[in-house]
N, C-alpha and C. Protein backbone atom coordinates (compact mmCIF):
# COMPACT_ATOMS: atom_id res chain seq x y z
N MET A 1 0.83 -1.23 -0.08
CA MET A 1 -0.07 0.01 -0.02
C MET A 1 0.86 1.17 0.00
N LYS A 2 0.56 2.19 -0.88
CA LYS A 2 1.50 3.35 -1.06
C LYS A 2 0.53 4.56 -0.20
N ILE A 3 1.21 5.30 0.49
CA ILE A 3 0.72 6.31 0.81
C ILE A 3 1.23 7.67 0.45
N ASN A 4 0.17 8.40 0.03
CA ASN A 4 0.84 9.94 -0.57
C ASN A 4 1.33 10.80 0.37
N ARG A 5 1.75 11.88 0.04
CA ARG A 5 2.36 12.82 0.86
C ARG A 5 1.41 13.48 2.13
N LYS A 6 0.33 13.82 1.44
CA LYS A 6 -0.95 14.20 2.52
C LYS A 6 -1.35 12.91 3.70
N GLY A 7 -1.09 11.80 3.13
CA GLY A 7 -1.45 10.72 4.08
C GLY A 7 -0.43 10.56 5.02
N ARG A 8 0.90 10.65 4.72
CA ARG A 8 2.15 10.63 5.59
C ARG A 8 2.05 11.75 6.78
N PHE A 9 1.53 13.05 6.27
CA PHE A 9 1.62 14.13 7.12
C PHE A 9 0.37 13.61 8.31
N VAL A 10 -0.68 13.22 7.66
CA VAL A 10 -2.08 12.87 8.64
C VAL A 10 -1.49 12.01 9.65
N LEU A 11 -0.80 10.91 9.15
CA LEU A 11 -0.25 9.81 10.05
C LEU A 11 0.78 10.35 11.02
N ALA A 12 1.65 11.08 10.59
CA ALA A 12 2.56 12.12 11.50
C ALA A 12 1.85 12.72 12.45
N ALA A 13 1.09 13.60 12.11
CA ALA A 13 0.05 14.32 12.98
C ALA A 13 -0.62 13.48 14.28
N ALA A 14 -1.14 12.37 13.71
CA ALA A 14 -2.07 11.48 14.42
C ALA A 14 -0.72 10.99 15.43
N ALA A 15 0.25 10.47 15.04
CA ALA A 15 1.43 9.82 16.10
C ALA A 15 1.70 10.91 16.96
N LEU A 16 2.04 12.14 16.34
CA LEU A 16 2.31 13.23 17.54
C LEU A 16 1.18 13.62 18.53
N VAL A 17 0.17 13.45 18.15
CA VAL A 17 -1.06 13.55 19.16
C VAL A 17 -0.99 12.62 19.98
N ALA A 18 -0.81 11.29 19.80
CA ALA A 18 -0.79 10.17 20.75
C ALA A 18 0.13 10.14 21.82
N VAL A 19 1.25 10.69 21.33
CA VAL A 19 2.57 10.80 21.94
C VAL A 19 2.30 12.13 23.16
N ALA A 20 1.82 12.89 22.54
CA ALA A 20 1.53 14.39 23.46
C ALA A 20 0.17 13.77 24.39
N ALA A 21 -0.74 13.16 23.99
CA ALA A 21 -1.33 12.62 24.94
C ALA A 21 -1.14 11.75 26.23
N VAL A 22 0.19 10.63 25.63
CA VAL A 22 0.55 9.93 26.63
C VAL A 22 1.62 10.70 27.58
N VAL A 23 2.25 11.62 26.93
CA VAL A 23 3.10 12.39 27.88
C VAL A 23 2.42 13.13 28.81
N SER A 24 1.31 13.95 28.39
CA SER A 24 0.63 14.44 29.12
C SER A 24 -0.01 13.84 30.49
N LEU A 25 -0.60 12.65 30.21
CA LEU A 25 -1.18 11.73 31.21
C LEU A 25 -0.11 11.46 32.39
N TYR A 26 1.15 11.11 31.76
CA TYR A 26 2.23 10.87 32.69
C TYR A 26 2.83 11.99 33.21
N GLY A 27 2.79 13.33 32.91
CA GLY A 27 2.84 14.57 33.64
C GLY A 27 2.17 14.60 34.68
N VAL A 28 0.79 14.47 34.46
CA VAL A 28 -0.17 14.95 35.48
C VAL A 28 -0.31 13.64 36.60
N THR A 29 0.41 12.46 36.39
CA THR A 29 0.21 11.51 37.32
C THR A 29 1.53 11.42 38.08
N ALA A 30 2.71 11.80 37.47
CA ALA A 30 3.73 12.27 38.15
C ALA A 30 3.69 13.44 39.27
N LYS A 31 3.16 14.54 38.90
CA LYS A 31 2.67 15.69 39.66
C LYS A 31 2.07 15.20 40.88
N ARG A 32 0.74 14.42 40.37
CA ARG A 32 -0.18 13.96 41.35
C ARG A 32 0.68 13.11 42.43
N SER A 33 1.61 12.13 42.03
CA SER A 33 2.01 11.36 43.31
C SER A 33 3.09 12.21 44.04
N THR A 34 3.51 13.21 43.81
CA THR A 34 4.47 13.92 44.26
C THR A 34 3.88 14.76 45.46
N ILE A 35 2.64 15.03 45.39
CA ILE A 35 2.09 15.81 46.33
C ILE A 35 0.89 15.00 47.42
N VAL A 36 0.90 13.81 46.73
CA VAL A 36 -0.04 12.87 47.97
C VAL A 36 0.85 12.17 48.93
N ARG A 37 0.73 12.44 50.21
CA ARG A 37 1.87 11.63 50.91
C ARG A 37 0.94 10.93 51.97
N ALA A 38 1.97 9.85 52.35
CA ALA A 38 1.72 8.91 53.28
C ALA A 38 1.83 9.71 54.66
N ASP A 39 1.11 9.21 55.88
CA ASP A 39 1.40 9.78 57.14
C ASP A 39 2.85 9.53 57.69
N ASP A 40 3.46 8.66 57.20
CA ASP A 40 5.01 8.83 57.59
C ASP A 40 5.90 9.64 56.75
N ASP A 41 5.37 10.10 55.73
CA ASP A 41 6.39 10.89 54.78
C ASP A 41 6.78 12.16 55.30
N VAL A 42 7.88 12.64 54.87
CA VAL A 42 8.27 13.96 55.00
C VAL A 42 7.87 15.04 53.94
N ILE A 43 7.05 16.27 53.91
CA ILE A 43 6.94 16.91 52.96
C ILE A 43 8.06 18.22 53.03
N GLY A 44 8.95 18.22 51.75
CA GLY A 44 9.60 19.16 51.75
C GLY A 44 9.59 20.03 50.46
N PHE A 45 10.32 21.29 50.38
CA PHE A 45 9.82 22.18 49.59
C PHE A 45 11.38 22.84 49.21
N ARG A 46 11.62 23.22 47.76
CA ARG A 46 13.00 23.45 47.38
C ARG A 46 12.61 24.29 46.23
N ALA A 47 13.52 25.14 46.01
CA ALA A 47 13.65 26.29 45.02
C ALA A 47 15.06 26.53 44.74
N ARG A 48 15.45 26.66 43.34
CA ARG A 48 16.73 27.10 43.11
C ARG A 48 16.56 28.55 42.34
N LEU A 49 17.05 29.40 43.06
CA LEU A 49 16.92 30.84 42.53
C LEU A 49 18.03 31.41 41.56
N THR A 50 17.68 32.06 40.63
CA THR A 50 18.66 32.54 39.34
C THR A 50 17.94 33.65 38.73
N GLY A 51 18.54 34.53 38.10
CA GLY A 51 18.20 35.47 37.31
C GLY A 51 17.15 35.00 36.19
N PHE A 52 17.24 33.88 35.95
CA PHE A 52 16.50 33.56 34.49
C PHE A 52 15.02 33.20 35.00
N GLY A 53 14.96 33.17 36.17
CA GLY A 53 13.35 32.58 37.01
C GLY A 53 12.70 34.04 37.01
N GLU A 54 13.35 35.10 36.92
CA GLU A 54 12.63 36.41 37.08
C GLU A 54 11.59 36.74 35.92
N VAL A 55 10.96 37.41 36.16
CA VAL A 55 10.07 38.06 34.97
C VAL A 55 9.95 39.65 34.97
N PRO A 56 10.67 40.20 34.06
CA PRO A 56 11.20 39.35 33.02
C PRO A 56 12.52 38.83 33.64
N PRO A 57 13.38 37.98 32.59
CA PRO A 57 14.42 37.30 33.36
C PRO A 57 15.63 38.37 33.08
N LYS A 58 16.48 38.17 33.92
CA LYS A 58 17.56 38.77 34.42
C LYS A 58 19.03 38.02 34.00
N LEU A 59 19.83 38.79 33.17
CA LEU A 59 21.07 38.16 33.10
C LEU A 59 22.21 38.71 33.98
N VAL A 60 22.16 37.96 35.08
CA VAL A 60 22.96 38.22 36.32
C VAL A 60 23.88 36.91 36.85
N GLU A 61 24.67 37.18 37.49
CA GLU A 61 25.54 35.98 38.09
C GLU A 61 25.22 35.45 39.68
N GLY A 62 24.00 36.30 40.26
CA GLY A 62 23.42 35.71 41.30
C GLY A 62 22.51 34.25 41.29
N SER A 63 22.83 33.80 42.54
CA SER A 63 22.05 32.36 42.82
C SER A 63 21.64 32.31 43.94
N GLY A 64 20.72 31.39 44.39
CA GLY A 64 20.49 30.88 45.61
C GLY A 64 19.49 29.71 45.75
N THR A 65 19.29 29.45 46.99
CA THR A 65 18.65 28.13 47.29
C THR A 65 17.69 28.39 48.49
N PHE A 66 16.50 27.70 48.42
CA PHE A 66 15.39 27.83 49.40
C PHE A 66 15.29 26.23 49.62
N VAL A 67 15.37 25.46 50.90
CA VAL A 67 14.94 24.37 51.38
C VAL A 67 14.18 24.57 52.43
N GLY A 68 12.97 24.12 52.50
CA GLY A 68 12.11 23.98 53.72
C GLY A 68 11.31 22.62 54.29
N THR A 69 11.04 22.30 55.15
CA THR A 69 10.38 21.15 55.76
C THR A 69 9.20 21.33 56.29
N LEU A 70 8.10 20.94 55.95
CA LEU A 70 7.03 20.91 56.93
C LEU A 70 6.83 20.11 58.03
N SER A 71 6.51 20.78 59.08
CA SER A 71 6.48 19.89 60.37
C SER A 71 5.50 18.92 60.48
N ALA A 72 5.63 17.98 61.02
CA ALA A 72 4.93 16.47 61.22
C ALA A 72 3.32 17.03 61.72
N ASP A 73 3.09 18.08 62.45
CA ASP A 73 1.73 18.49 62.85
C ASP A 73 1.22 19.49 61.56
N GLY A 74 1.97 19.87 60.69
CA GLY A 74 1.57 20.68 59.62
C GLY A 74 1.44 22.14 60.07
N GLN A 75 1.98 22.50 60.97
CA GLN A 75 1.78 23.78 61.44
C GLN A 75 2.89 24.92 61.25
N SER A 76 4.14 24.21 60.85
CA SER A 76 5.18 25.16 60.59
C SER A 76 5.87 24.66 59.48
N ILE A 77 6.83 25.58 58.97
CA ILE A 77 7.82 24.90 58.03
C ILE A 77 9.19 25.67 58.35
N SER A 78 10.42 24.71 58.76
CA SER A 78 11.64 25.04 59.13
C SER A 78 12.25 25.28 57.45
N TRP A 79 13.06 26.33 57.57
CA TRP A 79 13.74 26.66 56.36
C TRP A 79 15.02 27.25 56.14
N THR A 80 15.93 27.02 55.32
CA THR A 80 17.07 27.96 54.88
C THR A 80 17.08 28.38 53.55
N LEU A 81 17.57 29.73 53.64
CA LEU A 81 17.61 30.56 52.41
C LEU A 81 19.18 31.03 52.25
N THR A 82 19.60 30.67 51.13
CA THR A 82 21.05 31.04 50.93
C THR A 82 21.05 31.59 49.47
N TRP A 83 22.16 32.60 49.35
CA TRP A 83 22.36 33.21 48.38
C TRP A 83 23.70 33.75 48.05
N THR A 84 24.51 33.97 46.81
CA THR A 84 25.71 34.49 46.54
C THR A 84 25.65 35.30 45.25
N GLY A 85 26.80 36.03 45.07
CA GLY A 85 26.86 36.83 43.78
C GLY A 85 25.88 37.98 43.62
N LEU A 86 25.00 38.45 44.33
CA LEU A 86 23.96 39.43 43.68
C LEU A 86 24.80 40.85 43.60
N SER A 87 24.12 41.52 42.62
CA SER A 87 24.55 42.78 42.30
C SER A 87 24.94 43.74 43.29
N GLY A 88 24.23 43.69 44.47
CA GLY A 88 24.32 44.56 45.75
C GLY A 88 23.58 43.83 46.93
N PRO A 89 23.66 44.45 47.98
CA PRO A 89 23.15 43.75 49.31
C PRO A 89 21.49 43.37 48.74
N ALA A 90 21.16 42.17 49.56
CA ALA A 90 19.56 41.83 49.28
C ALA A 90 18.86 42.79 50.24
N GLN A 91 17.94 43.56 49.58
CA GLN A 91 16.91 44.09 49.95
C GLN A 91 15.69 43.82 50.81
N VAL A 92 15.19 42.97 50.37
CA VAL A 92 13.98 42.00 50.91
C VAL A 92 14.16 40.54 50.24
N ALA A 93 13.78 39.92 50.84
CA ALA A 93 13.41 38.57 50.14
C ALA A 93 12.07 37.73 51.02
N HIS A 94 11.38 37.15 49.90
CA HIS A 94 9.99 36.64 50.51
C HIS A 94 9.50 35.48 49.41
N ILE A 95 8.46 34.71 49.80
CA ILE A 95 7.65 33.89 48.78
C ILE A 95 6.41 34.50 48.33
N HIS A 96 6.47 34.77 47.10
CA HIS A 96 5.03 35.22 46.58
C HIS A 96 4.05 33.94 46.15
N PHE A 97 2.86 34.22 45.68
CA PHE A 97 1.94 33.68 45.37
C PHE A 97 1.68 33.79 43.81
N GLY A 98 2.40 33.12 42.80
CA GLY A 98 2.44 33.24 41.54
C GLY A 98 2.82 32.21 40.98
N PRO A 99 2.15 31.94 39.51
CA PRO A 99 2.74 30.64 38.81
C PRO A 99 3.92 31.01 38.20
N PRO A 100 4.78 30.03 37.32
CA PRO A 100 5.95 30.07 36.63
C PRO A 100 5.56 31.33 35.71
N GLN A 101 6.36 32.14 35.67
CA GLN A 101 6.46 33.14 34.50
C GLN A 101 5.35 34.24 34.56
N ASN A 102 5.11 34.51 35.88
CA ASN A 102 4.11 35.55 36.13
C ASN A 102 4.42 36.23 37.64
N THR A 103 3.85 37.00 37.86
CA THR A 103 3.92 37.61 38.96
C THR A 103 2.79 37.57 40.21
N GLY A 104 3.33 37.47 41.30
CA GLY A 104 2.21 37.61 42.45
C GLY A 104 2.60 38.37 43.62
N THR A 105 1.88 38.29 44.82
CA THR A 105 1.91 39.02 45.66
C THR A 105 2.79 38.22 47.05
N PRO A 106 3.74 38.88 47.80
CA PRO A 106 4.23 38.17 48.75
C PRO A 106 3.15 37.65 49.44
N VAL A 107 3.60 36.68 50.36
CA VAL A 107 2.80 35.88 51.45
C VAL A 107 3.17 35.56 52.66
N VAL A 108 4.97 35.33 52.72
CA VAL A 108 5.58 35.41 53.84
C VAL A 108 6.95 36.04 53.34
N PHE A 109 7.60 36.36 54.29
CA PHE A 109 8.98 37.04 54.26
C PHE A 109 10.04 36.60 55.03
N PHE A 110 11.53 36.27 53.97
CA PHE A 110 12.35 35.83 54.89
C PHE A 110 13.05 36.75 55.61
N CYS A 111 13.17 38.09 55.27
CA CYS A 111 13.70 39.40 55.70
C CYS A 111 13.06 40.51 55.36
N ASN A 112 13.12 41.62 56.00
CA ASN A 112 12.91 43.13 55.55
C ASN A 112 11.61 42.84 55.19
N GLY A 113 10.64 42.38 56.04
CA GLY A 113 9.04 42.63 55.80
C GLY A 113 8.38 41.67 56.74
N GLY A 114 6.98 41.98 56.32
CA GLY A 114 6.14 41.01 57.49
C GLY A 114 6.43 41.22 58.56
N ASN A 115 6.60 39.97 59.22
CA ASN A 115 7.07 39.62 60.82
C ASN A 115 8.29 39.63 61.02
N ARG A 116 9.04 39.87 59.85
CA ARG A 116 10.52 39.73 59.84
C ARG A 116 11.32 41.11 59.40
N PRO A 117 11.15 42.32 60.09
CA PRO A 117 11.83 43.22 59.89
C PRO A 117 13.26 43.32 59.75
N ASP A 118 13.95 42.57 60.18
CA ASP A 118 15.29 42.56 60.36
C ASP A 118 15.89 42.72 58.96
N PRO A 119 16.89 43.42 58.61
CA PRO A 119 17.50 43.85 57.29
C PRO A 119 18.10 42.23 56.80
N CYS A 120 18.04 42.39 55.55
CA CYS A 120 18.59 41.09 55.00
C CYS A 120 20.37 41.02 55.24
N PRO A 121 21.07 40.01 55.58
CA PRO A 121 22.56 39.88 55.86
C PRO A 121 22.85 40.19 54.35
N ASP A 122 24.14 40.83 54.68
CA ASP A 122 25.23 40.89 53.45
C ASP A 122 26.30 40.42 53.59
N GLY A 123 26.76 39.35 53.02
CA GLY A 123 28.39 38.92 53.32
C GLY A 123 29.19 39.03 52.19
N PRO A 124 30.43 38.56 52.13
CA PRO A 124 31.45 38.81 50.99
C PRO A 124 30.48 38.15 49.67
N GLY A 125 30.84 39.09 48.62
CA GLY A 125 30.35 38.68 47.34
C GLY A 125 28.83 38.99 47.38
N HIS A 126 28.23 39.89 48.20
CA HIS A 126 26.87 40.07 48.57
C HIS A 126 26.03 38.64 48.56
N SER A 127 26.53 37.87 49.51
CA SER A 127 26.11 36.40 50.03
C SER A 127 25.45 36.65 51.16
N GLY A 128 24.68 35.63 51.22
CA GLY A 128 23.89 35.48 52.62
C GLY A 128 23.45 34.31 53.05
N MET A 129 22.67 33.79 54.03
CA MET A 129 22.24 32.66 54.73
C MET A 129 21.01 33.32 55.93
N LEU A 130 20.05 32.55 55.77
CA LEU A 130 18.91 32.95 56.77
C LEU A 130 18.54 31.48 57.04
N THR A 131 18.13 31.32 58.32
CA THR A 131 17.26 30.00 58.50
C THR A 131 16.24 30.66 59.63
N GLY A 132 15.17 29.66 59.64
CA GLY A 132 14.08 30.36 60.28
C GLY A 132 13.00 29.27 60.42
N THR A 133 11.73 29.59 60.94
CA THR A 133 10.54 28.73 60.76
C THR A 133 9.45 29.63 60.52
N PHE A 134 8.63 29.08 59.50
CA PHE A 134 7.13 30.14 59.15
C PHE A 134 6.15 29.31 59.90
N THR A 135 5.46 30.05 60.39
CA THR A 135 4.15 29.83 61.12
C THR A 135 2.99 30.70 60.60
N ALA A 136 1.59 30.33 61.18
CA ALA A 136 0.72 31.41 60.77
C ALA A 136 0.91 32.69 61.08
N ALA A 137 1.75 32.91 61.88
CA ALA A 137 2.21 34.23 62.30
C ALA A 137 2.70 35.12 61.18
N ASP A 138 3.42 34.31 60.37
CA ASP A 138 4.37 34.84 59.28
C ASP A 138 3.37 35.07 58.20
N VAL A 139 2.20 34.68 57.87
CA VAL A 139 1.61 34.76 56.59
C VAL A 139 0.80 36.19 56.50
N VAL A 140 0.86 36.86 55.69
CA VAL A 140 0.56 38.02 55.31
C VAL A 140 -1.00 38.26 54.64
N ALA A 141 -1.70 39.04 54.66
CA ALA A 141 -3.02 39.24 53.81
C ALA A 141 -2.61 39.24 52.36
N VAL A 142 -3.27 38.81 51.58
CA VAL A 142 -3.20 39.18 50.17
C VAL A 142 -4.80 39.05 49.63
N PRO A 143 -5.30 40.37 49.66
CA PRO A 143 -6.65 40.17 49.56
C PRO A 143 -7.20 39.85 48.21
N SER A 144 -6.00 40.43 47.27
CA SER A 144 -6.52 40.52 45.85
C SER A 144 -6.35 38.98 45.43
N GLN A 145 -5.78 38.10 46.24
CA GLN A 145 -5.71 36.42 45.72
C GLN A 145 -6.43 35.65 46.97
N ASN A 146 -7.19 36.22 47.66
CA ASN A 146 -7.72 35.57 48.84
C ASN A 146 -7.36 34.83 49.85
N VAL A 147 -5.97 35.21 50.22
CA VAL A 147 -5.36 34.74 51.02
C VAL A 147 -5.47 35.73 52.62
N THR A 148 -5.86 35.28 53.73
CA THR A 148 -5.95 35.94 54.65
C THR A 148 -4.93 35.85 55.69
N ALA A 149 -4.61 37.09 56.28
CA ALA A 149 -3.23 36.92 57.20
C ALA A 149 -3.52 35.67 58.38
N GLY A 150 -2.57 34.97 58.41
CA GLY A 150 -2.47 33.82 59.49
C GLY A 150 -3.14 32.79 58.97
N ASP A 151 -3.22 32.51 57.59
CA ASP A 151 -3.98 31.24 57.05
C ASP A 151 -2.79 30.39 56.45
N PHE A 152 -2.19 29.69 57.31
CA PHE A 152 -0.94 28.88 57.33
C PHE A 152 -1.34 27.59 56.36
N ALA A 153 -2.37 27.10 56.47
CA ALA A 153 -3.01 25.94 55.68
C ALA A 153 -2.91 26.51 54.19
N GLY A 154 -3.46 27.82 54.14
CA GLY A 154 -3.59 27.90 52.86
C GLY A 154 -2.30 28.26 52.08
N PHE A 155 -1.36 28.54 52.87
CA PHE A 155 0.09 29.01 52.29
C PHE A 155 0.62 27.64 52.07
N VAL A 156 0.18 26.57 52.92
CA VAL A 156 0.90 25.07 52.51
C VAL A 156 0.33 24.69 51.20
N LYS A 157 -0.99 24.81 51.32
CA LYS A 157 -2.01 24.73 49.65
C LYS A 157 -1.19 25.20 48.46
N ILE A 158 -0.79 26.54 48.60
CA ILE A 158 0.03 27.16 47.64
C ILE A 158 1.26 26.75 47.12
N LEU A 159 1.88 26.21 48.08
CA LEU A 159 3.20 25.54 47.97
C LEU A 159 3.21 24.21 47.27
N ARG A 160 2.11 23.32 48.17
CA ARG A 160 2.12 22.27 47.58
C ARG A 160 1.34 22.08 45.87
N ALA A 161 0.69 23.20 45.61
CA ALA A 161 0.13 23.32 44.38
C ALA A 161 1.27 23.87 43.30
N ARG A 162 2.48 24.20 43.98
CA ARG A 162 3.47 24.81 43.12
C ARG A 162 3.14 26.09 42.42
N LEU A 163 2.69 27.10 43.36
CA LEU A 163 2.27 28.22 43.18
C LEU A 163 2.85 29.30 43.90
N GLY A 164 4.13 28.83 44.52
CA GLY A 164 4.76 30.11 45.24
C GLY A 164 5.96 30.13 44.74
N TYR A 165 6.65 31.03 44.83
CA TYR A 165 8.02 31.27 44.30
C TYR A 165 8.89 32.28 45.21
N ALA A 166 10.11 31.83 45.49
CA ALA A 166 10.95 32.56 46.33
C ALA A 166 11.75 33.55 45.42
N ASN A 167 12.13 34.81 45.96
CA ASN A 167 12.94 35.56 45.18
C ASN A 167 13.62 36.63 46.24
N ILE A 168 14.65 37.26 45.75
CA ILE A 168 15.39 38.09 46.55
C ILE A 168 15.47 39.45 45.44
N HIS A 169 15.16 40.83 46.13
CA HIS A 169 15.28 42.06 45.36
C HIS A 169 16.52 42.62 46.16
N THR A 170 17.27 43.43 45.12
CA THR A 170 18.45 44.36 45.23
C THR A 170 17.88 45.60 44.75
N THR A 171 18.92 46.60 45.09
CA THR A 171 18.58 47.91 44.75
C THR A 171 18.74 48.19 43.14
N LEU A 172 19.53 47.57 42.63
CA LEU A 172 19.63 47.44 41.18
C LEU A 172 18.16 46.84 40.48
N PHE A 173 17.91 45.69 41.10
CA PHE A 173 16.79 45.11 40.66
C PHE A 173 15.75 45.29 41.62
N GLY A 174 14.94 46.23 41.56
CA GLY A 174 13.77 46.48 42.64
C GLY A 174 12.90 45.37 42.41
N GLY A 175 12.57 45.03 41.26
CA GLY A 175 11.31 43.98 41.25
C GLY A 175 11.76 42.51 41.30
N GLY A 176 13.08 42.45 41.46
CA GLY A 176 13.62 41.17 42.05
C GLY A 176 14.96 40.83 41.21
N GLU A 177 15.99 40.21 41.36
CA GLU A 177 17.13 40.09 41.19
C GLU A 177 17.28 38.21 40.60
N ILE A 178 16.83 37.40 41.76
CA ILE A 178 16.89 36.13 41.36
C ILE A 178 15.49 35.38 42.14
N ARG A 179 15.03 34.41 41.24
CA ARG A 179 13.88 33.89 41.63
C ARG A 179 13.91 32.42 41.52
N GLY A 180 12.93 31.62 42.28
CA GLY A 180 12.85 29.97 41.84
C GLY A 180 11.45 29.80 42.40
N GLN A 181 10.82 28.78 41.46
CA GLN A 181 9.64 28.44 41.60
C GLN A 181 9.71 27.27 42.78
N VAL A 182 8.82 27.33 43.79
CA VAL A 182 8.91 26.27 44.88
C VAL A 182 8.37 24.98 44.68
N SER A 183 9.22 23.89 44.48
CA SER A 183 8.86 22.72 44.14
C SER A 183 8.84 21.79 45.53
N VAL A 184 7.55 20.66 45.19
CA VAL A 184 7.63 19.79 46.51
C VAL A 184 8.34 18.34 46.27
N SER A 185 9.19 18.06 47.39
CA SER A 185 9.75 16.96 47.40
C SER A 185 9.20 15.91 48.43
N GLN A 186 9.42 14.50 48.56
CA GLN A 186 9.11 13.80 49.55
C GLN A 186 10.42 12.81 49.88
N GLU A 187 10.18 12.53 51.10
CA GLU A 187 11.13 11.67 51.66
C GLU A 187 10.52 10.72 53.03
N GLU A 188 10.90 9.63 52.66
CA GLU A 188 10.14 8.53 53.86
C GLU A 188 10.86 8.82 55.03
N ASP A 189 10.05 8.83 55.84
CA ASP A 189 10.51 9.15 57.58
C ASP A 189 11.27 7.70 57.84
């Protein structure tokens, strides 16, 4: 059986649609399995911050990491935020409620805002490290996104849905110099 050029195109398009459907189903299944937890599992959160994560992207040398762990009772997140190579001292650092490639409003602060008024540290090479714990007292109101002050369960829901991003602002980049979307990780206890 001979297939003409149009027939080959239709077959190729159908094959691509089938492959896309399988990949799409796998992606949904993979994402769901990473946020459904057994009682003995630890829920962790991570983000790698770079200028390419910002909106719009920034061609900068700075980078950072955010690592957090949800407590067993679900009432707090212990976290560490590190950064290095910024264009100047960090002015403010926080987690926003927003999807990738979009902006959102800060929900919690690492430094210089919310319930954390202390300035962000500035070490050699404009680097720094902060550690702390987020609780309901750290969640600020974001009326435009229906987040109420103190809604820690809502904050965790935002992170588990991968709709939070960590970023650090500097004087040169007042809208943010480095940013990373928070992902969910799982470890068995």
